[in-house]
Amino acid sequence: MTRTLRPHPGLDIPLVDTGRGDRTVLVLHGGAGPRGVEPIVEHFAPHASRRRPRRAGAGCRPGP
């Protein structure tokens, strides 16, 4: 599921929610991109919901 966070007027951050569970894990990736942390994300899949922000300019929305 994708939802949008709006922490400030004019600043929309798409957030991809996956997994299930009563714990939440926020996954931030580095220079290698989302694929670089995929093993970590999958590790938490059975026991936690996972949230991944999609940053501007990453193909899903225009950059600043």
PDB file of N, CA and C in Angstrom:
ATOM      1  N   MET A   1       0.843  -1.164   0.000  1.00  0.00           N
ATOM      2  CA  MET A   1       0.000   0.000   0.000  1.00  0.00           C
ATOM      3  C   MET A   1       0.898   1.241   0.000  1.00  0.00           C
ATOM      4  N   THR A   2       0.541   2.223  -0.776  1.00  0.00           N
ATOM      5  CA  THR A   2       1.281   3.487  -0.785  1.00  0.00           C
ATOM      6  C   THR A   2       0.394   4.591  -0.235  1.00  0.00           C
ATOM      7  N   ARG A   3       0.935   5.372   0.650  1.00  0.00           N
ATOM      8  CA  ARG A   3       0.210   6.527   1.171  1.00  0.00           C
ATOM      9  C   ARG A   3       1.154   7.720   1.133  1.00  0.00           C
ATOM     10  N   THR A   4       0.626   8.884   1.376  1.00  0.00           N
ATOM     11  CA  THR A   4       1.435  10.092   1.293  1.00  0.00           C
ATOM     12  C   THR A   4       1.490  10.787   2.644  1.00  0.00           C
ATOM     13  N   LEU A   5       2.694  11.043   3.112  1.00  0.00           N
ATOM     14  CA  LEU A   5       2.896  11.856   4.306  1.00  0.00           C
ATOM     15  C   LEU A   5       3.010  13.304   3.866  1.00  0.00           C
ATOM     16  N   ARG A   6       2.465  14.216   4.649  1.00  0.00           N
ATOM     17  CA  ARG A   6       2.554  15.635   4.337  1.00  0.00           C
ATOM     18  C   ARG A   6       3.032  16.369   5.594  1.00  0.00           C
ATOM     19  N   PRO A   7       4.351  16.302   5.877  1.00  0.00           N
ATOM     20  CA  PRO A   7       4.865  16.915   7.101  1.00  0.00           C
ATOM     21  C   PRO A   7       4.860  18.443   7.075  1.00  0.00           C
ATOM     22  N   HIS A   8       4.746  19.012   5.885  1.00  0.00           N
ATOM     23  CA  HIS A   8       4.761  20.473   5.721  1.00  0.00           C
ATOM     24  C   HIS A   8       3.981  20.793   4.460  1.00  0.00           C
ATOM     25  N   PRO A   9       3.237  21.890   4.432  1.00  0.00           N
ATOM     26  CA  PRO A   9       2.508  22.229   3.200  1.00  0.00           C
ATOM     27  C   PRO A   9       3.443  22.261   1.992  1.00  0.00           C
ATOM     28  N   GLY A  10       3.049  21.569   0.941  1.00  0.00           N
ATOM     29  CA  GLY A  10       3.841  21.520  -0.275  1.00  0.00           C
ATOM     30  C   GLY A  10       4.914  20.436  -0.277  1.00  0.00           C
ATOM     31  N   LEU A  11       5.057  19.702   0.838  1.00  0.00           N
ATOM     32  CA  LEU A  11       6.049  18.629   0.915  1.00  0.00           C
ATOM     33  C   LEU A  11       5.318  17.299   1.078  1.00  0.00           C
ATOM     34  N   ASP A  12       5.145  16.592  -0.014  1.00  0.00           N
ATOM     35  CA  ASP A  12       4.483  15.294  -0.013  1.00  0.00           C
ATOM     36  C   ASP A  12       5.528  14.203  -0.143  1.00  0.00           C
ATOM     37  N   ILE A  13       5.465  13.201   0.723  1.00  0.00           N
ATOM     38  CA  ILE A  13       6.414  12.095   0.699  1.00  0.00           C
ATOM     39  C   ILE A  13       5.636  10.797   0.531  1.00  0.00           C
ATOM     40  N   PRO A  14       5.724  10.159  -0.647  1.00  0.00           N
ATOM     41  CA  PRO A  14       5.082   8.857  -0.798  1.00  0.00           C
ATOM     42  C   PRO A  14       5.768   7.836   0.114  1.00  0.00           C
ATOM     43  N   LEU A  15       4.963   7.025   0.790  1.00  0.00           N
ATOM     44  CA  LEU A  15       5.467   6.035   1.724  1.00  0.00           C
ATOM     45  C   LEU A  15       4.858   4.691   1.370  1.00  0.00           C
ATOM     46  N   VAL A  16       5.705   3.709   1.092  1.00  0.00           N
ATOM     47  CA  VAL A  16       5.256   2.365   0.725  1.00  0.00           C
ATOM     48  C   VAL A  16       5.206   1.515   1.989  1.00  0.00           C
ATOM     49  N   ASP A  17       4.012   1.047   2.354  1.00  0.00           N
ATOM     50  CA  ASP A  17       3.816   0.188   3.519  1.00  0.00           C
ATOM     51  C   ASP A  17       3.680  -1.251   3.057  1.00  0.00           C
ATOM     52  N   THR A  18       4.467  -2.152   3.625  1.00  0.00           N
ATOM     53  CA  THR A  18       4.381  -3.574   3.302  1.00  0.00           C
ATOM     54  C   THR A  18       4.563  -4.385   4.575  1.00  0.00           C
ATOM     55  N   GLY A  19       4.324  -5.671   4.486  1.00  0.00           N
ATOM     56  CA  GLY A  19       4.507  -6.564   5.619  1.00  0.00           C
ATOM     57  C   GLY A  19       3.329  -6.503   6.575  1.00  0.00           C
ATOM     58  N   ARG A  20       3.464  -7.240   7.665  1.00  0.00           N
ATOM     59  CA  ARG A  20       2.434  -7.225   8.692  1.00  0.00           C
ATOM     60  C   ARG A  20       3.083  -7.498  10.032  1.00  0.00           C
ATOM     61  N   GLY A  21       2.381  -7.167  11.048  1.00  0.00           N
ATOM     62  CA  GLY A  21       2.907  -7.379  12.387  1.00  0.00           C
ATOM     63  C   GLY A  21       2.626  -6.181  13.263  1.00  0.00           C
ATOM     64  N   ASP A  22       2.910  -6.321  14.546  1.00  0.00           N
ATOM     65  CA  ASP A  22       2.613  -5.236  15.481  1.00  0.00           C
ATOM     66  C   ASP A  22       3.793  -4.297  15.681  1.00  0.00           C
ATOM     67  N   ARG A  23       4.919  -4.590  15.045  1.00  0.00           N
ATOM     68  CA  ARG A  23       6.066  -3.677  15.073  1.00  0.00           C
ATOM     69  C   ARG A  23       6.180  -3.004  13.719  1.00  0.00           C
ATOM     70  N   THR A  24       6.750  -1.827  13.710  1.00  0.00           N
ATOM     71  CA  THR A  24       6.976  -1.108  12.455  1.00  0.00           C
ATOM     72  C   THR A  24       8.468  -0.869  12.286  1.00  0.00           C
ATOM     73  N   VAL A  25       8.957  -1.096  11.083  1.00  0.00           N
ATOM     74  CA  VAL A  25      10.363  -0.870  10.762  1.00  0.00           C
ATOM     75  C   VAL A  25      10.423   0.158   9.638  1.00  0.00           C
ATOM     76  N   LEU A  26      11.130   1.256   9.863  1.00  0.00           N
ATOM     77  CA  LEU A  26      11.355   2.266   8.839  1.00  0.00           C
ATOM     78  C   LEU A  26      12.696   1.962   8.194  1.00  0.00           C
ATOM     79  N   VAL A  27      12.690   1.733   6.888  1.00  0.00           N
ATOM     80  CA  VAL A  27      13.912   1.356   6.177  1.00  0.00           C
ATOM     81  C   VAL A  27      14.361   2.525   5.305  1.00  0.00           C
ATOM     82  N   LEU A  28      15.546   3.026   5.583  1.00  0.00           N
ATOM     83  CA  LEU A  28      16.148   4.098   4.776  1.00  0.00           C
ATOM     84  C   LEU A  28      17.357   3.508   4.067  1.00  0.00           C
ATOM     85  N   HIS A  29      17.475   3.773   2.784  1.00  0.00           N
ATOM     86  CA  HIS A  29      18.597   3.219   2.037  1.00  0.00           C
ATOM     87  C   HIS A  29      19.648   4.281   1.776  1.00  0.00           C
ATOM     88  N   GLY A  30      20.839   3.806   1.472  1.00  0.00           N
ATOM     89  CA  GLY A  30      21.948   4.693   1.152  1.00  0.00           C
ATOM     90  C   GLY A  30      22.147   4.804  -0.345  1.00  0.00           C
ATOM     91  N   GLY A  31      23.367   5.049  -0.757  1.00  0.00           N
ATOM     92  CA  GLY A  31      23.690   5.281  -2.156  1.00  0.00           C
ATOM     93  C   GLY A  31      23.407   4.115  -3.083  1.00  0.00           C
ATOM     94  N   ALA A  32      23.340   2.910  -2.548  1.00  0.00           N
ATOM     95  CA  ALA A  32      23.061   1.739  -3.387  1.00  0.00           C
ATOM     96  C   ALA A  32      21.587   1.653  -3.779  1.00  0.00           C
ATOM     97  N   GLY A  33      20.753   2.485  -3.181  1.00  0.00           N
ATOM     98  CA  GLY A  33      19.332   2.489  -3.513  1.00  0.00           C
ATOM     99  C   GLY A  33      18.564   1.409  -2.778  1.00  0.00           C
ATOM    100  N   PRO A  34      17.267   1.293  -3.064  1.00  0.00           N
ATOM    101  CA  PRO A  34      16.417   0.336  -2.362  1.00  0.00           C
ATOM    102  C   PRO A  34      16.891  -1.115  -2.475  1.00  0.00           C
ATOM    103  N   ARG A  35      17.473  -1.468  -3.615  1.00  0.00           N
ATOM    104  CA  ARG A  35      17.935  -2.849  -3.777  1.00  0.00           C
ATOM    105  C   ARG A  35      19.042  -3.194  -2.791  1.00  0.00           C
ATOM    106  N   GLY A  36      19.793  -2.197  -2.359  1.00  0.00           N
ATOM    107  CA  GLY A  36      20.882  -2.438  -1.422  1.00  0.00           C
ATOM    108  C   GLY A  36      20.420  -2.871  -0.038  1.00  0.00           C
ATOM    109  N   VAL A  37      19.184  -2.544   0.326  1.00  0.00           N
ATOM    110  CA  VAL A  37      18.671  -2.920   1.648  1.00  0.00           C
ATOM    111  C   VAL A  37      17.577  -3.981   1.569  1.00  0.00           C
ATOM    112  N   GLU A  38      17.306  -4.482   0.379  1.00  0.00           N
ATOM    113  CA  GLU A  38      16.224  -5.459   0.221  1.00  0.00           C
ATOM    114  C   GLU A  38      16.371  -6.679   1.127  1.00  0.00           C
ATOM    115  N   PRO A  39      17.583  -7.254   1.330  1.00  0.00           N
ATOM    116  CA  PRO A  39      17.698  -8.384   2.255  1.00  0.00           C
ATOM    117  C   PRO A  39      17.270  -8.029   3.684  1.00  0.00           C
ATOM    118  N   ILE A  40      17.557  -6.819   4.104  1.00  0.00           N
ATOM    119  CA  ILE A  40      17.159  -6.371   5.443  1.00  0.00           C
ATOM    120  C   ILE A  40      15.645  -6.231   5.519  1.00  0.00           C
ATOM    121  N   VAL A  41      15.073  -5.640   4.490  1.00  0.00           N
ATOM    122  CA  VAL A  41      13.616  -5.472   4.433  1.00  0.00           C
ATOM    123  C   VAL A  41      12.936  -6.833   4.497  1.00  0.00           C
ATOM    124  N   GLU A  42      13.411  -7.781   3.727  1.00  0.00           N
ATOM    125  CA  GLU A  42      12.796  -9.108   3.700  1.00  0.00           C
ATOM    126  C   GLU A  42      12.963  -9.845   5.033  1.00  0.00           C
ATOM    127  N   HIS A  43      14.044  -9.576   5.747  1.00  0.00           N
ATOM    128  CA  HIS A  43      14.259 -10.195   7.058  1.00  0.00           C
ATOM    129  C   HIS A  43      13.116  -9.848   8.013  1.00  0.00           C
ATOM    130  N   PHE A  44      12.638  -8.620   7.952  1.00  0.00           N
ATOM    131  CA  PHE A  44      11.583  -8.170   8.851  1.00  0.00           C
ATOM    132  C   PHE A  44      10.176  -8.519   8.358  1.00  0.00           C
ATOM    133  N   ALA A  45      10.050  -8.981   7.138  1.00  0.00           N
ATOM    134  CA  ALA A  45       8.741  -9.194   6.508  1.00  0.00           C
ATOM    135  C   ALA A  45       7.762 -10.020   7.332  1.00  0.00           C
ATOM    136  N   PRO A  46       8.163 -11.153   7.903  1.00  0.00           N
ATOM    137  CA  PRO A  46       7.180 -11.983   8.591  1.00  0.00           C
ATOM    138  C   PRO A  46       6.661 -11.395   9.907  1.00  0.00           C
ATOM    139  N   HIS A  47       7.390 -10.457  10.492  1.00  0.00           N
ATOM    140  CA  HIS A  47       7.064 -10.029  11.854  1.00  0.00           C
ATOM    141  C   HIS A  47       6.793  -8.545  12.031  1.00  0.00           C
ATOM    142  N   ALA A  48       6.923  -7.766  10.991  1.00  0.00           N
ATOM    143  CA  ALA A  48       6.775  -6.323  11.161  1.00  0.00           C
ATOM    144  C   ALA A  48       6.235  -5.691   9.889  1.00  0.00           C
ATOM    145  N   SER A  49       5.518  -4.597  10.057  1.00  0.00           N
ATOM    146  CA  SER A  49       5.163  -3.803   8.883  1.00  0.00           C
ATOM    147  C   SER A  49       6.382  -2.962   8.536  1.00  0.00           C
ATOM    148  N   ARG A  50       6.592  -2.721   7.266  1.00  0.00           N
ATOM    149  CA  ARG A  50       7.783  -2.004   6.818  1.00  0.00           C
ATOM    150  C   ARG A  50       7.352  -0.752   6.076  1.00  0.00           C
ATOM    151  N   ARG A  51       8.078   0.313   6.270  1.00  0.00           N
ATOM    152  CA  ARG A  51       7.770   1.578   5.605  1.00  0.00           C
ATOM    153  C   ARG A  51       9.006   2.080   4.898  1.00  0.00           C
ATOM    154  N   ARG A  52       8.828   2.366   3.609  1.00  0.00           N
ATOM    155  CA  ARG A  52       9.938   2.878   2.805  1.00  0.00           C
ATOM    156  C   ARG A  52       9.501   4.163   2.130  1.00  0.00           C
ATOM    157  N   PRO A  53      10.132   5.290   2.480  1.00  0.00           N
ATOM    158  CA  PRO A  53       9.831   6.528   1.772  1.00  0.00           C
ATOM    159  C   PRO A  53      10.424   6.490   0.373  1.00  0.00           C
ATOM    160  N   ARG A  54       9.732   7.126  -0.560  1.00  0.00           N
ATOM    161  CA  ARG A  54      10.252   7.249  -1.927  1.00  0.00           C
ATOM    162  C   ARG A  54      10.621   8.713  -2.115  1.00  0.00           C
ATOM    163  N   ARG A  55      11.892   8.958  -2.304  1.00  0.00           N
ATOM    164  CA  ARG A  55      12.361  10.331  -2.368  1.00  0.00           C
ATOM    165  C   ARG A  55      12.119  10.982  -3.723  1.00  0.00           C
ATOM    166  N   ALA A  56      12.127  12.287  -3.702  1.00  0.00           N
ATOM    167  CA  ALA A  56      11.946  13.046  -4.946  1.00  0.00           C
ATOM    168  C   ALA A  56      13.067  12.730  -5.923  1.00  0.00           C
ATOM    169  N   GLY A  57      12.710  12.634  -7.193  1.00  0.00           N
ATOM    170  CA  GLY A  57      13.698  12.365  -8.225  1.00  0.00           C
ATOM    171  C   GLY A  57      14.024  10.890  -8.391  1.00  0.00           C
ATOM    172  N   ALA A  58      13.342  10.005  -7.649  1.00  0.00           N
ATOM    173  CA  ALA A  58      13.632   8.578  -7.703  1.00  0.00           C
ATOM    174  C   ALA A  58      12.742   7.854  -8.706  1.00  0.00           C
ATOM    175  N   GLY A  59      12.209   8.564  -9.673  1.00  0.00           N
ATOM    176  CA  GLY A  59      11.392   7.934 -10.695  1.00  0.00           C
ATOM    177  C   GLY A  59       9.906   7.966 -10.398  1.00  0.00           C
ATOM    178  N   CYS A  60       9.535   8.224  -9.162  1.00  0.00           N
ATOM    179  CA  CYS A  60       8.113   8.214  -8.835  1.00  0.00           C
ATOM    180  C   CYS A  60       7.536   9.617  -8.771  1.00  0.00           C
ATOM    181  N   ARG A  61       8.399  10.606  -8.650  1.00  0.00           N
ATOM    182  CA  ARG A  61       7.921  11.990  -8.592  1.00  0.00           C
ATOM    183  C   ARG A  61       9.071  12.928  -8.952  1.00  0.00           C
ATOM    184  N   PRO A  62       8.763  14.123  -9.336  1.00  0.00           N
ATOM    185  CA  PRO A  62       9.833  15.054  -9.753  1.00  0.00           C
ATOM    186  C   PRO A  62      10.704  15.457  -8.566  1.00  0.00           C
ATOM    187  N   GLY A  63      11.945  15.768  -8.862  1.00  0.00           N
ATOM    188  CA  GLY A  63      12.863  16.251  -7.845  1.00  0.00           C
ATOM    189  C   GLY A  63      12.594  17.694  -7.498  1.00  0.00           C
ATOM    190  N   PRO A  64      13.239  18.167  -6.446  1.00  0.00           N
ATOM    191  CA  PRO A  64      13.024  19.565  -5.998  1.00  0.00           C
ATOM    192  C   PRO A  64      13.570  20.572  -6.984  1.00  0.00           C
TER     193      PRO A  64
END
